[in-house]
Amino acid sequence: GDHGASPPEVESISKVCGTCHVLNSQMFQESPHKPAFDKSSTHECSACHSNHEINKPTDEMLGTGEKSVCIKCHKDNDKGFLAAGKMKNMIDSLLKDVELANYFINAAEQKGMDVSDSKFEANDIKKVLITSRTSTHYGDIEKYLNTINEGFKITNKAKIDGEEAVKEYYFRRLGLGISTIFITIICFALYFKLKKIEKQQKS
């Protein structure tokens, strides 16, 4: 709206954002950022997400890179700076693990192996990514790790399931090859045995 034709204050901005982004707002209220922002009269949501621009959140906003919003306040390897860097590294690692897990599952599926259960379980990673990104509003590395570690459990299981399915495929092919050779040898042996019996009957 038009803010009632009055300049928005710190509290009013956060309350407007919080009407839709309830969970994000609740997490921020519990974070160490809340008292720090209140003390410095910093606008809570707009400090990181802008106001009228409403910057779309990306993973680059987290961490210590050039596009990070964390480095506006945290510098010189302070506690927040280090926590932000760790959070960004964790989300990057999880995304790489997701790619690897998908690679193994797709490889197994292309070989005709049934990995439907693994694919279904791997879908939970989307929920973990959302909750992990949201939990950054706690400003607490421990709470963040508790959330994102669930993602690593899912991707690790998916990778193992995919790898095992691929191994089973090649094991089956090897077994089929050995069986084919064995059956071929028996067929030749029977053929020559029948020929020998036939020869003996004629003589």
C-alpha atoms as a PDB file:
ATOM      1  CA  GLY A   1       0.000   0.000   0.000  1.00  0.00           C
ATOM      2  CA  ASP A   2       0.973   3.621   0.439  1.00  0.00           C
ATOM      3  CA  HIS A   3       2.055   3.195   4.102  1.00  0.00           C
ATOM      4  CA  GLY A   4      -0.863   5.411   5.146  1.00  0.00           C
ATOM      5  CA  ALA A   5       0.961   8.359   3.528  1.00  0.00           C
ATOM      6  CA  SER A   6       3.527   8.116   6.333  1.00  0.00           C
ATOM      7  CA  PRO A   7       7.223   7.146   6.073  1.00  0.00           C
ATOM      8  CA  PRO A   8       7.600   3.493   7.038  1.00  0.00           C
ATOM      9  CA  GLU A   9       9.510   2.850  10.245  1.00  0.00           C
ATOM     10  CA  VAL A  10      11.675  -0.173  11.057  1.00  0.00           C
ATOM     11  CA  GLU A  11       8.876  -2.093  12.759  1.00  0.00           C
ATOM     12  CA  SER A  12       6.242  -1.372  10.103  1.00  0.00           C
ATOM     13  CA  ILE A  13       8.441  -2.680   7.262  1.00  0.00           C
ATOM     14  CA  SER A  14       9.157  -5.961   9.018  1.00  0.00           C
ATOM     15  CA  LYS A  15       5.484  -6.391   9.951  1.00  0.00           C
ATOM     16  CA  VAL A  16       4.364  -5.841   6.353  1.00  0.00           C
ATOM     17  CA  CYS A  17       6.885  -8.417   5.049  1.00  0.00           C
ATOM     18  CA  GLY A  18       6.082 -10.770   7.919  1.00  0.00           C
ATOM     19  CA  THR A  19       2.399 -10.966   7.023  1.00  0.00           C
ATOM     20  CA  CYS A  20       3.324 -13.254   4.100  1.00  0.00           C
ATOM     21  CA  HIS A  21       6.823 -14.433   5.040  1.00  0.00           C
ATOM     22  CA  VAL A  22       5.753 -15.619   8.476  1.00  0.00           C
ATOM     23  CA  LEU A  23       8.402 -18.310   9.007  1.00  0.00           C
ATOM     24  CA  ASN A  24      11.229 -16.067   7.817  1.00  0.00           C
ATOM     25  CA  SER A  25      10.031 -13.352  10.186  1.00  0.00           C
ATOM     26  CA  GLN A  26       9.772 -15.731  13.152  1.00  0.00           C
ATOM     27  CA  MET A  27      13.291 -17.017  12.542  1.00  0.00           C
ATOM     28  CA  PHE A  28      14.657 -13.487  12.342  1.00  0.00           C
ATOM     29  CA  GLN A  29      12.919 -12.527  15.607  1.00  0.00           C
ATOM     30  CA  GLU A  30      14.859 -15.370  17.315  1.00  0.00           C
ATOM     31  CA  SER A  31      18.176 -14.484  15.657  1.00  0.00           C
ATOM     32  CA  PRO A  32      21.077 -12.487  17.125  1.00  0.00           C
ATOM     33  CA  HIS A  33      20.499 -10.023  14.271  1.00  0.00           C
ATOM     34  CA  LYS A  34      17.212  -8.795  15.804  1.00  0.00           C
ATOM     35  CA  PRO A  35      18.693  -6.943  18.824  1.00  0.00           C
ATOM     36  CA  ALA A  36      21.626  -5.706  16.720  1.00  0.00           C
ATOM     37  CA  PHE A  37      19.280  -4.285  14.072  1.00  0.00           C
ATOM     38  CA  ASP A  38      17.059  -2.708  16.736  1.00  0.00           C
ATOM     39  CA  LYS A  39      20.062  -1.068  18.388  1.00  0.00           C
ATOM     40  CA  SER A  40      21.282   0.460  15.131  1.00  0.00           C
ATOM     41  CA  SER A  41      17.721   1.252  13.878  1.00  0.00           C
ATOM     42  CA  THR A  42      18.409  -0.867  10.789  1.00  0.00           C
ATOM     43  CA  HIS A  43      15.406  -1.810   8.662  1.00  0.00           C
ATOM     44  CA  GLU A  44      15.125  -5.563   9.202  1.00  0.00           C
ATOM     45  CA  CYS A  45      13.982  -7.055   5.883  1.00  0.00           C
ATOM     46  CA  SER A  46      15.105  -4.293   3.557  1.00  0.00           C
ATOM     47  CA  ALA A  47      18.678  -4.405   4.915  1.00  0.00           C
ATOM     48  CA  CYS A  48      19.252  -7.604   2.933  1.00  0.00           C
ATOM     49  CA  HIS A  49      16.351  -7.692   0.463  1.00  0.00           C
ATOM     50  CA  SER A  50      16.100  -3.997  -0.400  1.00  0.00           C
ATOM     51  CA  ASN A  51      12.735  -2.208  -0.190  1.00  0.00           C
ATOM     52  CA  HIS A  52      11.087  -1.238  -3.457  1.00  0.00           C
ATOM     53  CA  GLU A  53      13.469  -3.317  -5.590  1.00  0.00           C
ATOM     54  CA  ILE A  54      12.745  -6.456  -3.547  1.00  0.00           C
ATOM     55  CA  ASN A  55      15.871  -8.352  -4.538  1.00  0.00           C
ATOM     56  CA  LYS A  56      15.062 -11.948  -5.384  1.00  0.00           C
ATOM     57  CA  PRO A  57      16.973 -14.147  -2.918  1.00  0.00           C
ATOM     58  CA  THR A  58      19.816 -16.189  -4.377  1.00  0.00           C
ATOM     59  CA  ASP A  59      22.548 -18.345  -2.861  1.00  0.00           C
ATOM     60  CA  GLU A  60      25.062 -15.635  -3.836  1.00  0.00           C
ATOM     61  CA  MET A  61      23.485 -13.362  -1.207  1.00  0.00           C
ATOM     62  CA  LEU A  62      24.845 -15.764   1.400  1.00  0.00           C
ATOM     63  CA  GLY A  63      28.541 -16.110   2.217  1.00  0.00           C
ATOM     64  CA  THR A  64      31.431 -13.741   1.766  1.00  0.00           C
ATOM     65  CA  GLY A  65      31.504 -13.187  -1.992  1.00  0.00           C
ATOM     66  CA  GLU A  66      31.046  -9.909  -3.855  1.00  0.00           C
ATOM     67  CA  LYS A  67      27.245 -10.352  -4.117  1.00  0.00           C
ATOM     68  CA  SER A  68      26.873 -11.346  -0.468  1.00  0.00           C
ATOM     69  CA  VAL A  69      24.684  -9.215   1.779  1.00  0.00           C
ATOM     70  CA  CYS A  70      26.468 -10.589   4.856  1.00  0.00           C
ATOM     71  CA  ILE A  71      29.635  -8.573   4.177  1.00  0.00           C
ATOM     72  CA  LYS A  72      27.703  -5.325   4.572  1.00  0.00           C
ATOM     73  CA  CYS A  73      28.035  -5.804   8.328  1.00  0.00           C
ATOM     74  CA  HIS A  74      30.452  -8.708   8.842  1.00  0.00           C
ATOM     75  CA  LYS A  75      34.112  -8.245   7.943  1.00  0.00           C
ATOM     76  CA  ASP A  76      37.644  -9.245   8.905  1.00  0.00           C
ATOM     77  CA  ASN A  77      36.808 -12.873   9.756  1.00  0.00           C
ATOM     78  CA  ASP A  78      34.481 -12.052  12.644  1.00  0.00           C
ATOM     79  CA  LYS A  79      32.055 -14.737  13.901  1.00  0.00           C
ATOM     80  CA  GLY A  80      29.293 -13.763  11.468  1.00  0.00           C
ATOM     81  CA  PHE A  81      31.719 -13.586   8.546  1.00  0.00           C
ATOM     82  CA  LEU A  82      32.988 -17.117   9.200  1.00  0.00           C
ATOM     83  CA  ALA A  83      29.465 -18.485   9.755  1.00  0.00           C
ATOM     84  CA  ALA A  84      28.236 -16.950   6.494  1.00  0.00           C
ATOM     85  CA  GLY A  85      31.172 -18.487   4.600  1.00  0.00           C
ATOM     86  CA  LYS A  86      30.484 -21.907   6.098  1.00  0.00           C
ATOM     87  CA  MET A  87      26.780 -21.717   5.253  1.00  0.00           C
ATOM     88  CA  LYS A  88      27.554 -20.847   1.632  1.00  0.00           C
ATOM     89  CA  ASN A  89      30.099 -23.672   1.333  1.00  0.00           C
ATOM     90  CA  MET A  90      27.554 -26.124   2.733  1.00  0.00           C
ATOM     91  CA  ILE A  91      24.801 -25.142   0.301  1.00  0.00           C
ATOM     92  CA  ASP A  92      27.271 -25.297  -2.613  1.00  0.00           C
ATOM     93  CA  SER A  93      28.426 -28.762  -1.515  1.00  0.00           C
ATOM     94  CA  LEU A  94      24.851 -29.988  -1.216  1.00  0.00           C
ATOM     95  CA  LEU A  95      23.994 -28.749  -4.709  1.00  0.00           C
ATOM     96  CA  LYS A  96      27.021 -30.637  -6.102  1.00  0.00           C
ATOM     97  CA  ASP A  97      25.907 -33.744  -4.213  1.00  0.00           C
ATOM     98  CA  VAL A  98      22.418 -33.388  -5.733  1.00  0.00           C
ATOM     99  CA  GLU A  99      23.947 -33.330  -9.233  1.00  0.00           C
ATOM    100  CA  LEU A 100      26.050 -36.414  -8.469  1.00  0.00           C
ATOM    101  CA  ALA A 101      23.102 -38.302  -6.980  1.00  0.00           C
ATOM    102  CA  ASN A 102      20.965 -37.474 -10.020  1.00  0.00           C
ATOM    103  CA  TYR A 103      23.785 -38.653 -12.300  1.00  0.00           C
ATOM    104  CA  PHE A 104      23.933 -42.107 -10.667  1.00  0.00           C
ATOM    105  CA  ILE A 105      20.148 -42.508 -10.505  1.00  0.00           C
ATOM    106  CA  ASN A 106      19.720 -41.467 -14.161  1.00  0.00           C
ATOM    107  CA  ALA A 107      22.567 -43.772 -15.234  1.00  0.00           C
ATOM    108  CA  ALA A 108      20.872 -46.709 -13.502  1.00  0.00           C
ATOM    109  CA  GLU A 109      17.475 -45.791 -14.948  1.00  0.00           C
ATOM    110  CA  GLN A 110      18.880 -45.592 -18.498  1.00  0.00           C
ATOM    111  CA  LYS A 111      20.182 -49.135 -18.059  1.00  0.00           C
ATOM    112  CA  GLY A 112      16.666 -50.309 -17.270  1.00  0.00           C
ATOM    113  CA  MET A 113      17.129 -50.678 -13.508  1.00  0.00           C
ATOM    114  CA  ASP A 114      14.230 -49.899 -11.180  1.00  0.00           C
ATOM    115  CA  VAL A 115      15.221 -46.843  -9.130  1.00  0.00           C
ATOM    116  CA  SER A 116      11.717 -45.427  -8.677  1.00  0.00           C
ATOM    117  CA  ASP A 117      11.964 -45.571  -4.864  1.00  0.00           C
ATOM    118  CA  SER A 118      15.300 -43.750  -4.916  1.00  0.00           C
ATOM    119  CA  LYS A 119      13.911 -41.075  -7.243  1.00  0.00           C
ATOM    120  CA  PHE A 120      10.913 -40.590  -4.977  1.00  0.00           C
ATOM    121  CA  GLU A 121      13.102 -40.256  -1.870  1.00  0.00           C
ATOM    122  CA  ALA A 122      15.477 -37.884  -3.677  1.00  0.00           C
ATOM    123  CA  ASN A 123      12.563 -35.514  -4.312  1.00  0.00           C
ATOM    124  CA  ASP A 124      12.708 -34.632  -0.598  1.00  0.00           C
ATOM    125  CA  ILE A 125      15.936 -32.758  -1.321  1.00  0.00           C
ATOM    126  CA  LYS A 126      13.887 -29.889  -2.786  1.00  0.00           C
ATOM    127  CA  LYS A 127      12.166 -29.439   0.566  1.00  0.00           C
ATOM    128  CA  VAL A 128      15.516 -29.546   2.392  1.00  0.00           C
ATOM    129  CA  LEU A 129      16.985 -26.900   0.078  1.00  0.00           C
ATOM    130  CA  ILE A 130      14.028 -24.606   0.742  1.00  0.00           C
ATOM    131  CA  THR A 131      14.138 -25.071   4.524  1.00  0.00           C
ATOM    132  CA  SER A 132      17.944 -24.718   4.580  1.00  0.00           C
ATOM    133  CA  ARG A 133      17.826 -21.453   2.665  1.00  0.00           C
ATOM    134  CA  THR A 134      15.023 -20.215   4.915  1.00  0.00           C
ATOM    135  CA  SER A 135      16.876 -21.218   8.100  1.00  0.00           C
ATOM    136  CA  THR A 136      19.633 -18.719   7.294  1.00  0.00           C
ATOM    137  CA  HIS A 137      17.275 -16.159   8.888  1.00  0.00           C
ATOM    138  CA  TYR A 138      18.081 -17.720  12.273  1.00  0.00           C
ATOM    139  CA  GLY A 139      21.646 -16.416  11.899  1.00  0.00           C
ATOM    140  CA  ASP A 140      22.663 -19.559  13.784  1.00  0.00           C
ATOM    141  CA  ILE A 141      25.173 -21.953  12.196  1.00  0.00           C
ATOM    142  CA  GLU A 142      24.104 -24.898  14.389  1.00  0.00           C
ATOM    143  CA  LYS A 143      20.432 -24.640  13.436  1.00  0.00           C
ATOM    144  CA  TYR A 144      21.447 -24.268   9.799  1.00  0.00           C
ATOM    145  CA  LEU A 145      23.664 -27.373   9.919  1.00  0.00           C
ATOM    146  CA  ASN A 146      20.906 -29.432  11.565  1.00  0.00           C
ATOM    147  CA  THR A 147      18.633 -28.587   8.654  1.00  0.00           C
ATOM    148  CA  ILE A 148      21.065 -28.960   5.755  1.00  0.00           C
ATOM    149  CA  ASN A 149      22.617 -32.188   7.050  1.00  0.00           C
ATOM    150  CA  GLU A 150      19.280 -33.900   6.331  1.00  0.00           C
ATOM    151  CA  GLY A 151      19.954 -33.065   2.686  1.00  0.00           C
ATOM    152  CA  PHE A 152      23.340 -34.776   2.729  1.00  0.00           C
ATOM    153  CA  LYS A 153      21.719 -37.907   4.179  1.00  0.00           C
ATOM    154  CA  ILE A 154      19.267 -37.984   1.267  1.00  0.00           C
ATOM    155  CA  THR A 155      21.894 -37.384  -1.430  1.00  0.00           C
ATOM    156  CA  ASN A 156      24.304 -39.935   0.064  1.00  0.00           C
ATOM    157  CA  LYS A 157      21.587 -42.599   0.056  1.00  0.00           C
ATOM    158  CA  ALA A 158      20.590 -41.687  -3.511  1.00  0.00           C
ATOM    159  CA  LYS A 159      24.221 -41.934  -4.667  1.00  0.00           C
ATOM    160  CA  ILE A 160      24.654 -45.331  -2.997  1.00  0.00           C
ATOM    161  CA  ASP A 161      21.350 -46.625  -4.429  1.00  0.00           C
ATOM    162  CA  GLY A 162      22.301 -45.430  -7.914  1.00  0.00           C
ATOM    163  CA  GLU A 163      25.798 -46.900  -7.739  1.00  0.00           C
ATOM    164  CA  GLU A 164      24.476 -50.228  -6.432  1.00  0.00           C
ATOM    165  CA  ALA A 165      21.880 -50.364  -9.210  1.00  0.00           C
ATOM    166  CA  VAL A 166      24.582 -49.773 -11.869  1.00  0.00           C
ATOM    167  CA  LYS A 167      26.803 -52.459 -10.290  1.00  0.00           C
ATOM    168  CA  GLU A 168      23.873 -54.880 -10.255  1.00  0.00           C
ATOM    169  CA  TYR A 169      23.257 -54.168 -13.942  1.00  0.00           C
ATOM    170  CA  TYR A 170      26.827 -55.121 -14.868  1.00  0.00           C
ATOM    171  CA  PHE A 171      26.703 -58.114 -12.525  1.00  0.00           C
ATOM    172  CA  ARG A 172      23.577 -59.337 -14.294  1.00  0.00           C
ATOM    173  CA  ARG A 173      25.197 -58.840 -17.680  1.00  0.00           C
ATOM    174  CA  LEU A 174      28.270 -60.775 -16.550  1.00  0.00           C
ATOM    175  CA  GLY A 175      26.070 -63.548 -15.188  1.00  0.00           C
ATOM    176  CA  LEU A 176      24.092 -63.642 -18.433  1.00  0.00           C
ATOM    177  CA  GLY A 177      27.319 -63.812 -20.456  1.00  0.00           C
ATOM    178  CA  ILE A 178      28.708 -66.682 -18.367  1.00  0.00           C
ATOM    179  CA  SER A 179      25.364 -68.526 -18.570  1.00  0.00           C
ATOM    180  CA  THR A 180      25.267 -68.083 -22.349  1.00  0.00           C
ATOM    181  CA  ILE A 181      28.787 -69.494 -22.733  1.00  0.00           C
ATOM    182  CA  PHE A 182      27.947 -72.408 -20.417  1.00  0.00           C
ATOM    183  CA  ILE A 183      24.728 -73.227 -22.332  1.00  0.00           C
ATOM    184  CA  THR A 184      26.596 -72.976 -25.657  1.00  0.00           C
ATOM    185  CA  ILE A 185      29.244 -75.455 -24.425  1.00  0.00           C
ATOM    186  CA  ILE A 186      26.502 -77.888 -23.297  1.00  0.00           C
ATOM    187  CA  CYS A 187      24.751 -77.588 -26.670  1.00  0.00           C
ATOM    188  CA  PHE A 188      27.985 -78.381 -28.534  1.00  0.00           C
ATOM    189  CA  ALA A 189      28.688 -81.281 -26.198  1.00  0.00           C
ATOM    190  CA  LEU A 190      25.191 -82.687 -26.770  1.00  0.00           C
ATOM    191  CA  TYR A 191      25.538 -82.216 -30.505  1.00  0.00           C
ATOM    192  CA  PHE A 192      28.801 -84.165 -30.650  1.00  0.00           C
ATOM    193  CA  LYS A 193      27.415 -86.809 -28.290  1.00  0.00           C
ATOM    194  CA  LEU A 194      24.394 -87.328 -30.547  1.00  0.00           C
ATOM    195  CA  LYS A 195      26.636 -87.514 -33.597  1.00  0.00           C
ATOM    196  CA  LYS A 196      28.755 -90.156 -31.869  1.00  0.00           C
ATOM    197  CA  ILE A 197      25.673 -92.211 -30.926  1.00  0.00           C
ATOM    198  CA  GLU A 198      24.379 -91.898 -34.475  1.00  0.00           C
ATOM    199  CA  LYS A 199      27.706 -93.129 -35.870  1.00  0.00           C
ATOM    200  CA  GLN A 200      27.730 -96.093 -33.500  1.00  0.00           C
ATOM    201  CA  GLN A 201      24.181 -97.100 -34.525  1.00  0.00           C
ATOM    202  CA  LYS A 202      25.105 -97.031 -38.220  1.00  0.00           C
ATOM    203  CA  SER A 203      28.135 -99.212 -37.666  1.00  0.00           C
END
